[in-house]
């Protein structure tokens, strides 16, 4: 599970760094174009549903019983870490932020 989280973060970071300006525009458009907000919300729901598929396959590592809430918390944790790495100016090493995110999620799920 830890490897999956790290891989997801790595892929998302690389993708968002390549499309940084586009993602900034999407975030601003989200708040004044309802159709864009709807599409972005649907995308996030799809990611959460992938977690709902993945979590039962990792049941020996997960003690959380409310998988729907767990999927939201995990997606939000990854999103927040991604935003910090890609969009905020921080002196903190990217690997420390990734390690912290993985640790939080693993402790929460376990």
PDB file of N, CA and C in Angstrom:
ATOM      1  N   UNK A   1       0.825  -1.188   0.000  1.00  0.00           N
ATOM      2  CA  UNK A   1       0.000   0.000   0.000  1.00  0.00           C
ATOM      3  C   UNK A   1       0.873   1.257   0.000  1.00  0.00           C
ATOM      4  N   UNK A   2       1.925   1.214   0.784  1.00  0.00           N
ATOM      5  CA  UNK A   2       2.848   2.344   0.864  1.00  0.00           C
ATOM      6  C   UNK A   2       3.445   2.653  -0.511  1.00  0.00           C
ATOM      7  N   UNK A   3       3.823   1.609  -1.223  1.00  0.00           N
ATOM      8  CA  UNK A   3       4.412   1.781  -2.559  1.00  0.00           C
ATOM      9  C   UNK A   3       3.398   2.396  -3.526  1.00  0.00           C
ATOM     10  N   UNK A   4       2.151   2.003  -3.405  1.00  0.00           N
ATOM     11  CA  UNK A   4       1.092   2.538  -4.261  1.00  0.00           C
ATOM     12  C   UNK A   4       0.934   4.043  -4.025  1.00  0.00           C
ATOM     13  N   UNK A   5       0.908   4.444  -2.762  1.00  0.00           N
ATOM     14  CA  UNK A   5       0.746   5.865  -2.421  1.00  0.00           C
ATOM     15  C   UNK A   5       1.921   6.674  -2.968  1.00  0.00           C
ATOM     16  N   UNK A   6       3.121   6.150  -2.772  1.00  0.00           N
ATOM     17  CA  UNK A   6       4.317   6.849  -3.280  1.00  0.00           C
ATOM     18  C   UNK A   6       4.286   6.976  -4.805  1.00  0.00           C
ATOM     19  N   UNK A   7       3.882   5.918  -5.480  1.00  0.00           N
ATOM     20  CA  UNK A   7       3.806   5.928  -6.938  1.00  0.00           C
ATOM     21  C   UNK A   7       2.775   6.943  -7.417  1.00  0.00           C
ATOM     22  N   UNK A   8       1.618   6.957  -6.772  1.00  0.00           N
ATOM     23  CA  UNK A   8       0.565   7.905  -7.131  1.00  0.00           C
ATOM     24  C   UNK A   8       1.072   9.339  -6.955  1.00  0.00           C
ATOM     25  N   UNK A   9       1.692   9.616  -5.812  1.00  0.00           N
ATOM     26  CA  UNK A   9       2.228  10.956  -5.569  1.00  0.00           C
ATOM     27  C   UNK A   9       3.278  11.335  -6.616  1.00  0.00           C
ATOM     28  N   UNK A  10       4.166  10.414  -6.915  1.00  0.00           N
ATOM     29  CA  UNK A  10       5.218  10.676  -7.893  1.00  0.00           C
ATOM     30  C   UNK A  10       4.630  11.019  -9.264  1.00  0.00           C
ATOM     31  N   UNK A  11       3.665  10.242  -9.709  1.00  0.00           N
ATOM     32  CA  UNK A  11       3.024  10.475 -11.006  1.00  0.00           C
ATOM     33  C   UNK A  11       2.292  11.815 -11.000  1.00  0.00           C
ATOM     34  N   UNK A  12       1.558  12.087  -9.931  1.00  0.00           N
ATOM     35  CA  UNK A  12       0.811  13.340  -9.854  1.00  0.00           C
ATOM     36  C   UNK A  12       1.736  14.555  -9.828  1.00  0.00           C
ATOM     37  N   UNK A  13       2.822  14.463  -9.101  1.00  0.00           N
ATOM     38  CA  UNK A  13       3.773  15.575  -9.032  1.00  0.00           C
ATOM     39  C   UNK A  13       4.343  15.854 -10.422  1.00  0.00           C
ATOM     40  N   UNK A  14       4.799  14.816 -11.093  1.00  0.00           N
ATOM     41  CA  UNK A  14       5.363  14.995 -12.440  1.00  0.00           C
ATOM     42  C   UNK A  14       4.338  15.589 -13.395  1.00  0.00           C
ATOM     43  N   UNK A  15       3.123  15.089 -13.350  1.00  0.00           N
ATOM     44  CA  UNK A  15       2.064  15.578 -14.235  1.00  0.00           C
ATOM     45  C   UNK A  15       1.724  17.032 -13.929  1.00  0.00           C
ATOM     46  N   UNK A  16       1.561  17.345 -12.651  1.00  0.00           N
ATOM     47  CA  UNK A  16       1.178  18.705 -12.277  1.00  0.00           C
ATOM     48  C   UNK A  16       2.295  19.717 -12.540  1.00  0.00           C
ATOM     49  N   UNK A  17       3.532  19.294 -12.412  1.00  0.00           N
ATOM     50  CA  UNK A  17       4.631  20.204 -12.723  1.00  0.00           C
ATOM     51  C   UNK A  17       4.637  20.564 -14.209  1.00  0.00           C
ATOM     52  N   UNK A  18       4.267  19.600 -15.054  1.00  0.00           N
ATOM     53  CA  UNK A  18       4.216  19.840 -16.500  1.00  0.00           C
ATOM     54  C   UNK A  18       3.030  20.733 -16.883  1.00  0.00           C
ATOM     55  N   UNK A  19       1.980  20.695 -16.078  1.00  0.00           N
ATOM     56  CA  UNK A  19       0.749  21.433 -16.401  1.00  0.00           C
ATOM     57  C   UNK A  19       0.406  22.440 -15.306  1.00  0.00           C
ATOM     58  N   UNK A  20       1.416  22.971 -14.672  1.00  0.00           N
ATOM     59  CA  UNK A  20       1.238  23.848 -13.513  1.00  0.00           C
ATOM     60  C   UNK A  20       0.333  25.045 -13.818  1.00  0.00           C
ATOM     61  N   UNK A  21       0.610  25.772 -14.875  1.00  0.00           N
ATOM     62  CA  UNK A  21      -0.185  26.963 -15.203  1.00  0.00           C
ATOM     63  C   UNK A  21      -1.634  26.592 -15.535  1.00  0.00           C
ATOM     64  N   UNK A  22      -1.800  25.509 -16.266  1.00  0.00           N
ATOM     65  CA  UNK A  22      -3.148  25.042 -16.600  1.00  0.00           C
ATOM     66  C   UNK A  22      -3.922  24.706 -15.332  1.00  0.00           C
ATOM     67  N   UNK A  23      -3.280  24.022 -14.395  1.00  0.00           N
ATOM     68  CA  UNK A  23      -3.946  23.657 -13.143  1.00  0.00           C
ATOM     69  C   UNK A  23      -4.294  24.880 -12.297  1.00  0.00           C
ATOM     70  N   UNK A  24      -3.441  25.896 -12.333  1.00  0.00           N
ATOM     71  CA  UNK A  24      -3.760  27.147 -11.627  1.00  0.00           C
ATOM     72  C   UNK A  24      -5.017  27.779 -12.216  1.00  0.00           C
ATOM     73  N   UNK A  25      -5.085  27.789 -13.537  1.00  0.00           N
ATOM     74  CA  UNK A  25      -6.266  28.349 -14.208  1.00  0.00           C
ATOM     75  C   UNK A  25      -7.521  27.557 -13.859  1.00  0.00           C
ATOM     76  N   UNK A  26      -7.407  26.247 -13.863  1.00  0.00           N
ATOM     77  CA  UNK A  26      -8.556  25.406 -13.510  1.00  0.00           C
ATOM     78  C   UNK A  26      -9.067  25.723 -12.118  1.00  0.00           C
ATOM     79  N   UNK A  27      -8.141  25.894 -11.177  1.00  0.00           N
ATOM     80  CA  UNK A  27      -8.537  26.200  -9.803  1.00  0.00           C
ATOM     81  C   UNK A  27      -9.292  27.514  -9.717  1.00  0.00           C
ATOM     82  N   UNK A  28      -8.851  28.511 -10.464  1.00  0.00           N
ATOM     83  CA  UNK A  28      -9.547  29.800 -10.417  1.00  0.00           C
ATOM     84  C   UNK A  28     -10.885  29.728 -11.150  1.00  0.00           C
ATOM     85  N   UNK A  29     -10.940  29.022 -12.257  1.00  0.00           N
ATOM     86  CA  UNK A  29     -12.185  28.882 -13.013  1.00  0.00           C
ATOM     87  C   UNK A  29     -13.218  28.083 -12.214  1.00  0.00           C
ATOM     88  N   UNK A  30     -12.747  27.166 -11.409  1.00  0.00           N
ATOM     89  CA  UNK A  30     -13.627  26.310 -10.595  1.00  0.00           C
ATOM     90  C   UNK A  30     -14.672  27.142  -9.846  1.00  0.00           C
ATOM     91  N   UNK A  31     -14.276  28.286  -9.345  1.00  0.00           N
ATOM     92  CA  UNK A  31     -15.146  29.069  -8.479  1.00  0.00           C
ATOM     93  C   UNK A  31     -16.142  29.964  -9.219  1.00  0.00           C
ATOM     94  N   UNK A  32     -15.964  30.170 -10.503  1.00  0.00           N
ATOM     95  CA  UNK A  32     -16.944  31.002 -11.195  1.00  0.00           C
ATOM     96  C   UNK A  32     -17.554  30.355 -12.435  1.00  0.00           C
ATOM     97  N   UNK A  33     -17.201  29.133 -12.706  1.00  0.00           N
ATOM     98  CA  UNK A  33     -17.825  28.396 -13.810  1.00  0.00           C
ATOM     99  C   UNK A  33     -18.382  27.088 -13.249  1.00  0.00           C
ATOM    100  N   UNK A  34     -19.676  27.038 -12.979  1.00  0.00           N
ATOM    101  CA  UNK A  34     -20.274  25.839 -12.380  1.00  0.00           C
ATOM    102  C   UNK A  34     -20.024  24.555 -13.178  1.00  0.00           C
ATOM    103  N   UNK A  35     -19.974  24.670 -14.512  1.00  0.00           N
ATOM    104  CA  UNK A  35     -19.764  23.471 -15.324  1.00  0.00           C
ATOM    105  C   UNK A  35     -18.354  22.905 -15.133  1.00  0.00           C
ATOM    106  N   UNK A  36     -17.374  23.785 -14.926  1.00  0.00           N
ATOM    107  CA  UNK A  36     -16.006  23.341 -14.649  1.00  0.00           C
ATOM    108  C   UNK A  36     -15.943  22.713 -13.260  1.00  0.00           C
ATOM    109  N   UNK A  37     -16.586  23.343 -12.298  1.00  0.00           N
ATOM    110  CA  UNK A  37     -16.628  22.803 -10.936  1.00  0.00           C
ATOM    111  C   UNK A  37     -17.250  21.408 -10.932  1.00  0.00           C
ATOM    112  N   UNK A  38     -18.310  21.255 -11.686  1.00  0.00           N
ATOM    113  CA  UNK A  38     -18.988  19.957 -11.751  1.00  0.00           C
ATOM    114  C   UNK A  38     -18.061  18.882 -12.315  1.00  0.00           C
ATOM    115  N   UNK A  39     -17.337  19.205 -13.375  1.00  0.00           N
ATOM    116  CA  UNK A  39     -16.400  18.246 -13.978  1.00  0.00           C
ATOM    117  C   UNK A  39     -15.258  17.898 -13.019  1.00  0.00           C
ATOM    118  N   UNK A  40     -14.723  18.918 -12.356  1.00  0.00           N
ATOM    119  CA  UNK A  40     -13.622  18.667 -11.423  1.00  0.00           C
ATOM    120  C   UNK A  40     -14.089  17.856 -10.220  1.00  0.00           C
ATOM    121  N   UNK A  41     -15.290  18.132  -9.735  1.00  0.00           N
ATOM    122  CA  UNK A  41     -15.853  17.355  -8.621  1.00  0.00           C
ATOM    123  C   UNK A  41     -16.074  15.900  -9.029  1.00  0.00           C
ATOM    124  N   UNK A  42     -16.552  15.705 -10.248  1.00  0.00           N
ATOM    125  CA  UNK A  42     -16.753  14.348 -10.765  1.00  0.00           C
ATOM    126  C   UNK A  42     -15.424  13.593 -10.858  1.00  0.00           C
ATOM    127  N   UNK A  43     -14.393  14.295 -11.271  1.00  0.00           N
ATOM    128  CA  UNK A  43     -13.057  13.705 -11.354  1.00  0.00           C
ATOM    129  C   UNK A  43     -12.578  13.269  -9.961  1.00  0.00           C
ATOM    130  N   UNK A  44     -12.783  14.114  -8.973  1.00  0.00           N
ATOM    131  CA  UNK A  44     -12.378  13.767  -7.614  1.00  0.00           C
ATOM    132  C   UNK A  44     -13.182  12.584  -7.082  1.00  0.00           C
ATOM    133  N   UNK A  45     -14.457  12.545  -7.394  1.00  0.00           N
ATOM    134  CA  UNK A  45     -15.288  11.403  -6.990  1.00  0.00           C
ATOM    135  C   UNK A  45     -14.786  10.108  -7.615  1.00  0.00           C
ATOM    136  N   UNK A  46     -14.335  10.181  -8.847  1.00  0.00           N
ATOM    137  CA  UNK A  46     -13.807   8.997  -9.529  1.00  0.00           C
ATOM    138  C   UNK A  46     -12.543   8.500  -8.822  1.00  0.00           C
ATOM    139  N   UNK A  47     -11.685   9.426  -8.428  1.00  0.00           N
ATOM    140  CA  UNK A  47     -10.468   9.053  -7.698  1.00  0.00           C
ATOM    141  C   UNK A  47     -10.842   8.394  -6.368  1.00  0.00           C
ATOM    142  N   UNK A  48     -11.828   8.957  -5.687  1.00  0.00           N
ATOM    143  CA  UNK A  48     -12.271   8.368  -4.425  1.00  0.00           C
ATOM    144  C   UNK A  48     -12.856   6.971  -4.650  1.00  0.00           C
ATOM    145  N   UNK A  49     -13.555   6.785  -5.747  1.00  0.00           N
ATOM    146  CA  UNK A  49     -14.125   5.461  -6.021  1.00  0.00           C
ATOM    147  C   UNK A  49     -13.034   4.441  -6.324  1.00  0.00           C
ATOM    148  N   UNK A  50     -11.921   4.888  -6.908  1.00  0.00           N
ATOM    149  CA  UNK A  50     -10.783   3.987  -7.124  1.00  0.00           C
ATOM    150  C   UNK A  50     -10.239   3.525  -5.776  1.00  0.00           C
ATOM    151  N   UNK A  51     -10.177   4.454  -4.817  1.00  0.00           N
ATOM    152  CA  UNK A  51      -9.744   4.077  -3.461  1.00  0.00           C
ATOM    153  C   UNK A  51     -10.694   3.033  -2.860  1.00  0.00           C
ATOM    154  N   UNK A  52     -11.976   3.212  -3.088  1.00  0.00           N
ATOM    155  CA  UNK A  52     -12.957   2.262  -2.556  1.00  0.00           C
ATOM    156  C   UNK A  52     -12.790   0.871  -3.160  1.00  0.00           C
ATOM    157  N   UNK A  53     -12.263   0.807  -4.361  1.00  0.00           N
ATOM    158  CA  UNK A  53     -11.964  -0.485  -4.989  1.00  0.00           C
ATOM    159  C   UNK A  53     -10.655  -1.045  -4.432  1.00  0.00           C
ATOM    160  N   UNK A  54      -9.673  -0.165  -4.259  1.00  0.00           N
ATOM    161  CA  UNK A  54      -8.346  -0.570  -3.807  1.00  0.00           C
ATOM    162  C   UNK A  54      -8.325  -1.010  -2.343  1.00  0.00           C
ATOM    163  N   UNK A  55      -9.008  -0.285  -1.473  1.00  0.00           N
ATOM    164  CA  UNK A  55      -8.934  -0.562  -0.033  1.00  0.00           C
ATOM    165  C   UNK A  55      -9.306  -2.005   0.345  1.00  0.00           C
ATOM    166  N   UNK A  56     -10.407  -2.543  -0.147  1.00  0.00           N
ATOM    167  CA  UNK A  56     -10.728  -3.932   0.219  1.00  0.00           C
ATOM    168  C   UNK A  56      -9.669  -4.944  -0.244  1.00  0.00           C
ATOM    169  N   UNK A  57      -8.955  -4.617  -1.316  1.00  0.00           N
ATOM    170  CA  UNK A  57      -7.898  -5.503  -1.792  1.00  0.00           C
ATOM    171  C   UNK A  57      -6.693  -5.482  -0.855  1.00  0.00           C
ATOM    172  N   UNK A  58      -6.627  -4.478  -0.002  1.00  0.00           N
ATOM    173  CA  UNK A  58      -5.518  -4.318   0.942  1.00  0.00           C
ATOM    174  C   UNK A  58      -6.013  -4.500   2.380  1.00  0.00           C
ATOM    175  N   UNK A  59      -7.091  -5.283   2.562  1.00  0.00           N
ATOM    176  CA  UNK A  59      -7.754  -5.356   3.867  1.00  0.00           C
ATOM    177  C   UNK A  59      -6.855  -5.833   5.001  1.00  0.00           C
ATOM    178  N   UNK A  60      -5.784  -6.559   4.696  1.00  0.00           N
ATOM    179  CA  UNK A  60      -4.876  -7.001   5.757  1.00  0.00           C
ATOM    180  C   UNK A  60      -4.058  -5.836   6.316  1.00  0.00           C
ATOM    181  N   UNK A  61      -4.016  -4.730   5.589  1.00  0.00           N
ATOM    182  CA  UNK A  61      -3.256  -3.552   6.026  1.00  0.00           C
ATOM    183  C   UNK A  61      -4.149  -2.445   6.580  1.00  0.00           C
ATOM    184  N   UNK A  62      -5.458  -2.609   6.461  1.00  0.00           N
ATOM    185  CA  UNK A  62      -6.382  -1.525   6.802  1.00  0.00           C
ATOM    186  C   UNK A  62      -7.312  -1.936   7.936  1.00  0.00           C
ATOM    187  N   UNK A  63      -7.370  -1.092   8.956  1.00  0.00           N
ATOM    188  CA  UNK A  63      -8.284  -1.369  10.058  1.00  0.00           C
ATOM    189  C   UNK A  63      -9.483  -0.415  10.074  1.00  0.00           C
ATOM    190  N   UNK A  64      -9.467   0.578   9.212  1.00  0.00           N
ATOM    191  CA  UNK A  64     -10.566   1.542   9.110  1.00  0.00           C
ATOM    192  C   UNK A  64     -11.817   0.817   8.612  1.00  0.00           C
ATOM    193  N   UNK A  65     -12.952   1.142   9.216  1.00  0.00           N
ATOM    194  CA  UNK A  65     -14.186   0.472   8.801  1.00  0.00           C
ATOM    195  C   UNK A  65     -15.018   1.294   7.825  1.00  0.00           C
ATOM    196  N   UNK A  66     -14.935   2.611   7.908  1.00  0.00           N
ATOM    197  CA  UNK A  66     -15.694   3.458   6.995  1.00  0.00           C
ATOM    198  C   UNK A  66     -14.801   3.815   5.805  1.00  0.00           C
ATOM    199  N   UNK A  67     -14.831   2.963   4.808  1.00  0.00           N
ATOM    200  CA  UNK A  67     -13.948   3.127   3.655  1.00  0.00           C
ATOM    201  C   UNK A  67     -14.277   4.350   2.814  1.00  0.00           C
ATOM    202  N   UNK A  68     -15.545   4.743   2.811  1.00  0.00           N
ATOM    203  CA  UNK A  68     -15.926   5.938   2.043  1.00  0.00           C
ATOM    204  C   UNK A  68     -15.275   7.185   2.640  1.00  0.00           C
ATOM    205  N   UNK A  69     -15.339   7.324   3.943  1.00  0.00           N
ATOM    206  CA  UNK A  69     -14.682   8.448   4.613  1.00  0.00           C
ATOM    207  C   UNK A  69     -13.170   8.347   4.429  1.00  0.00           C
ATOM    208  N   UNK A  70     -12.633   7.147   4.549  1.00  0.00           N
ATOM    209  CA  UNK A  70     -11.193   6.943   4.382  1.00  0.00           C
ATOM    210  C   UNK A  70     -10.742   7.372   2.989  1.00  0.00           C
ATOM    211  N   UNK A  71     -11.545   7.091   1.976  1.00  0.00           N
ATOM    212  CA  UNK A  71     -11.161   7.477   0.613  1.00  0.00           C
ATOM    213  C   UNK A  71     -11.105   9.000   0.479  1.00  0.00           C
ATOM    214  N   UNK A  72     -12.044   9.698   1.092  1.00  0.00           N
ATOM    215  CA  UNK A  72     -12.044  11.160   1.041  1.00  0.00           C
ATOM    216  C   UNK A  72     -10.822  11.714   1.765  1.00  0.00           C
ATOM    217  N   UNK A  73     -10.542  11.200   2.948  1.00  0.00           N
ATOM    218  CA  UNK A  73      -9.408  11.682   3.739  1.00  0.00           C
ATOM    219  C   UNK A  73      -8.088  11.410   3.020  1.00  0.00           C
ATOM    220  N   UNK A  74      -7.939  10.244   2.437  1.00  0.00           N
ATOM    221  CA  UNK A  74      -6.699   9.912   1.728  1.00  0.00           C
ATOM    222  C   UNK A  74      -6.513  10.766   0.485  1.00  0.00           C
ATOM    223  N   UNK A  75      -7.565  10.947  -0.290  1.00  0.00           N
ATOM    224  CA  UNK A  75      -7.476  11.774  -1.496  1.00  0.00           C
ATOM    225  C   UNK A  75      -7.156  13.222  -1.109  1.00  0.00           C
ATOM    226  N   UNK A  76      -7.798  13.722  -0.055  1.00  0.00           N
ATOM    227  CA  UNK A  76      -7.524  15.093   0.388  1.00  0.00           C
ATOM    228  C   UNK A  76      -6.090  15.247   0.901  1.00  0.00           C
ATOM    229  N   UNK A  77      -5.584  14.244   1.585  1.00  0.00           N
ATOM    230  CA  UNK A  77      -4.201  14.296   2.072  1.00  0.00           C
ATOM    231  C   UNK A  77      -3.206  14.336   0.917  1.00  0.00           C
ATOM    232  N   UNK A  78      -3.446  13.493  -0.066  1.00  0.00           N
ATOM    233  CA  UNK A  78      -2.574  13.470  -1.245  1.00  0.00           C
ATOM    234  C   UNK A  78      -2.681  14.793  -2.003  1.00  0.00           C
ATOM    235  N   UNK A  79      -3.894  15.301  -2.167  1.00  0.00           N
ATOM    236  CA  UNK A  79      -4.105  16.572  -2.862  1.00  0.00           C
ATOM    237  C   UNK A  79      -3.399  17.722  -2.159  1.00  0.00           C
ATOM    238  N   UNK A  80      -3.514  17.765  -0.860  1.00  0.00           N
ATOM    239  CA  UNK A  80      -2.877  18.832  -0.092  1.00  0.00           C
ATOM    240  C   UNK A  80      -1.359  18.774  -0.208  1.00  0.00           C
ATOM    241  N   UNK A  81      -0.812  17.578  -0.119  1.00  0.00           N
ATOM    242  CA  UNK A  81       0.636  17.404  -0.267  1.00  0.00           C
ATOM    243  C   UNK A  81       1.075  17.800  -1.668  1.00  0.00           C
ATOM    244  N   UNK A  82       0.326  17.379  -2.655  1.00  0.00           N
ATOM    245  CA  UNK A  82       0.612  17.721  -4.047  1.00  0.00           C
ATOM    246  C   UNK A  82       0.606  19.237  -4.241  1.00  0.00           C
ATOM    247  N   UNK A  83      -0.410  19.904  -3.706  1.00  0.00           N
ATOM    248  CA  UNK A  83      -0.494  21.363  -3.832  1.00  0.00           C
ATOM    249  C   UNK A  83       0.700  22.047  -3.176  1.00  0.00           C
ATOM    250  N   UNK A  84       1.108  21.564  -2.021  1.00  0.00           N
ATOM    251  CA  UNK A  84       2.258  22.153  -1.334  1.00  0.00           C
ATOM    252  C   UNK A  84       3.523  22.004  -2.170  1.00  0.00           C
ATOM    253  N   UNK A  85       3.726  20.829  -2.718  1.00  0.00           N
ATOM    254  CA  UNK A  85       4.937  20.560  -3.503  1.00  0.00           C
ATOM    255  C   UNK A  85       4.954  21.349  -4.815  1.00  0.00           C
ATOM    256  N   UNK A  86       3.825  21.386  -5.504  1.00  0.00           N
ATOM    257  CA  UNK A  86       3.795  21.965  -6.847  1.00  0.00           C
ATOM    258  C   UNK A  86       3.521  23.472  -6.845  1.00  0.00           C
ATOM    259  N   UNK A  87       2.624  23.936  -5.987  1.00  0.00           N
ATOM    260  CA  UNK A  87       2.145  25.308  -6.109  1.00  0.00           C
ATOM    261  C   UNK A  87       2.633  26.276  -5.023  1.00  0.00           C
ATOM    262  N   UNK A  88       3.158  25.778  -3.928  1.00  0.00           N
ATOM    263  CA  UNK A  88       3.609  26.666  -2.860  1.00  0.00           C
ATOM    264  C   UNK A  88       5.123  26.719  -2.823  1.00  0.00           C
ATOM    265  N   UNK A  89       5.629  27.844  -2.396  1.00  0.00           N
ATOM    266  CA  UNK A  89       7.074  27.970  -2.237  1.00  0.00           C
ATOM    267  C   UNK A  89       7.430  27.466  -0.851  1.00  0.00           C
ATOM    268  N   UNK A  90       8.181  26.380  -0.818  1.00  0.00           N
ATOM    269  CA  UNK A  90       8.602  25.817   0.454  1.00  0.00           C
ATOM    270  C   UNK A  90      10.058  25.381   0.345  1.00  0.00           C
ATOM    271  N   UNK A  91      10.764  25.544   1.423  1.00  0.00           N
ATOM    272  CA  UNK A  91      12.165  25.135   1.476  1.00  0.00           C
ATOM    273  C   UNK A  91      12.291  23.647   1.819  1.00  0.00           C
ATOM    274  N   UNK A  92      11.180  23.054   2.233  1.00  0.00           N
ATOM    275  CA  UNK A  92      11.212  21.661   2.647  1.00  0.00           C
ATOM    276  C   UNK A  92      11.446  20.746   1.448  1.00  0.00           C
ATOM    277  N   UNK A  93      12.260  19.754   1.656  1.00  0.00           N
ATOM    278  CA  UNK A  93      12.569  18.776   0.624  1.00  0.00           C
ATOM    279  C   UNK A  93      11.310  17.986   0.246  1.00  0.00           C
ATOM    280  N   UNK A  94      11.098  17.827  -1.050  1.00  0.00           N
ATOM    281  CA  UNK A  94       9.926  17.103  -1.555  1.00  0.00           C
ATOM    282  C   UNK A  94       9.817  15.706  -0.951  1.00  0.00           C
ATOM    283  N   UNK A  95      10.934  15.020  -0.816  1.00  0.00           N
ATOM    284  CA  UNK A  95      10.889  13.645  -0.287  1.00  0.00           C
ATOM    285  C   UNK A  95      10.384  13.622   1.161  1.00  0.00           C
ATOM    286  N   UNK A  96      10.686  14.649   1.933  1.00  0.00           N
ATOM    287  CA  UNK A  96      10.166  14.720   3.311  1.00  0.00           C
ATOM    288  C   UNK A  96       8.661  14.886   3.316  1.00  0.00           C
ATOM    289  N   UNK A  97       8.149  15.718   2.410  1.00  0.00           N
ATOM    290  CA  UNK A  97       6.704  15.913   2.327  1.00  0.00           C
ATOM    291  C   UNK A  97       6.006  14.625   1.886  1.00  0.00           C
ATOM    292  N   UNK A  98       6.587  13.949   0.915  1.00  0.00           N
ATOM    293  CA  UNK A  98       6.013  12.676   0.456  1.00  0.00           C
ATOM    294  C   UNK A  98       6.052  11.654   1.589  1.00  0.00           C
ATOM    295  N   UNK A  99       7.191  11.536   2.262  1.00  0.00           N
ATOM    296  CA  UNK A  99       7.307  10.601   3.387  1.00  0.00           C
ATOM    297  C   UNK A  99       6.256  10.890   4.458  1.00  0.00           C
ATOM    298  N   UNK A 100       6.070  12.181   4.755  1.00  0.00           N
ATOM    299  CA  UNK A 100       5.084  12.567   5.768  1.00  0.00           C
ATOM    300  C   UNK A 100       3.673  12.204   5.358  1.00  0.00           C
ATOM    301  N   UNK A 101       3.337  12.457   4.112  1.00  0.00           N
ATOM    302  CA  UNK A 101       2.004  12.121   3.610  1.00  0.00           C
ATOM    303  C   UNK A 101       1.759  10.614   3.676  1.00  0.00           C
ATOM    304  N   UNK A 102       2.738   9.851   3.226  1.00  0.00           N
ATOM    305  CA  UNK A 102       2.616   8.390   3.249  1.00  0.00           C
ATOM    306  C   UNK A 102       2.454   7.903   4.689  1.00  0.00           C
ATOM    307  N   UNK A 103       3.246   8.442   5.591  1.00  0.00           N
ATOM    308  CA  UNK A 103       3.174   8.034   6.998  1.00  0.00           C
ATOM    309  C   UNK A 103       1.800   8.342   7.602  1.00  0.00           C
ATOM    310  N   UNK A 104       1.286   9.544   7.326  1.00  0.00           N
ATOM    311  CA  UNK A 104      -0.030   9.925   7.849  1.00  0.00           C
ATOM    312  C   UNK A 104      -1.100   8.971   7.343  1.00  0.00           C
ATOM    313  N   UNK A 105      -1.104   8.707   6.040  1.00  0.00           N
ATOM    314  CA  UNK A 105      -2.125   7.840   5.452  1.00  0.00           C
ATOM    315  C   UNK A 105      -2.003   6.419   5.993  1.00  0.00           C
ATOM    316  N   UNK A 106      -0.801   5.901   6.048  1.00  0.00           N
ATOM    317  CA  UNK A 106      -0.599   4.523   6.534  1.00  0.00           C
ATOM    318  C   UNK A 106      -1.025   4.380   7.991  1.00  0.00           C
ATOM    319  N   UNK A 107      -0.683   5.361   8.819  1.00  0.00           N
ATOM    320  CA  UNK A 107      -1.096   5.311  10.228  1.00  0.00           C
ATOM    321  C   UNK A 107      -2.600   5.434  10.370  1.00  0.00           C
ATOM    322  N   UNK A 108      -3.183   6.296   9.550  1.00  0.00           N
ATOM    323  CA  UNK A 108      -4.634   6.466   9.596  1.00  0.00           C
ATOM    324  C   UNK A 108      -5.359   5.180   9.180  1.00  0.00           C
ATOM    325  N   UNK A 109      -4.923   4.594   8.095  1.00  0.00           N
ATOM    326  CA  UNK A 109      -5.582   3.385   7.589  1.00  0.00           C
ATOM    327  C   UNK A 109      -5.352   2.170   8.477  1.00  0.00           C
ATOM    328  N   UNK A 110      -4.146   2.124   9.062  1.00  0.00           N
ATOM    329  CA  UNK A 110      -3.741   0.940   9.835  1.00  0.00           C
ATOM    330  C   UNK A 110      -4.309   0.918  11.202  1.00  0.00           C
TER     331      UNK A 110
END
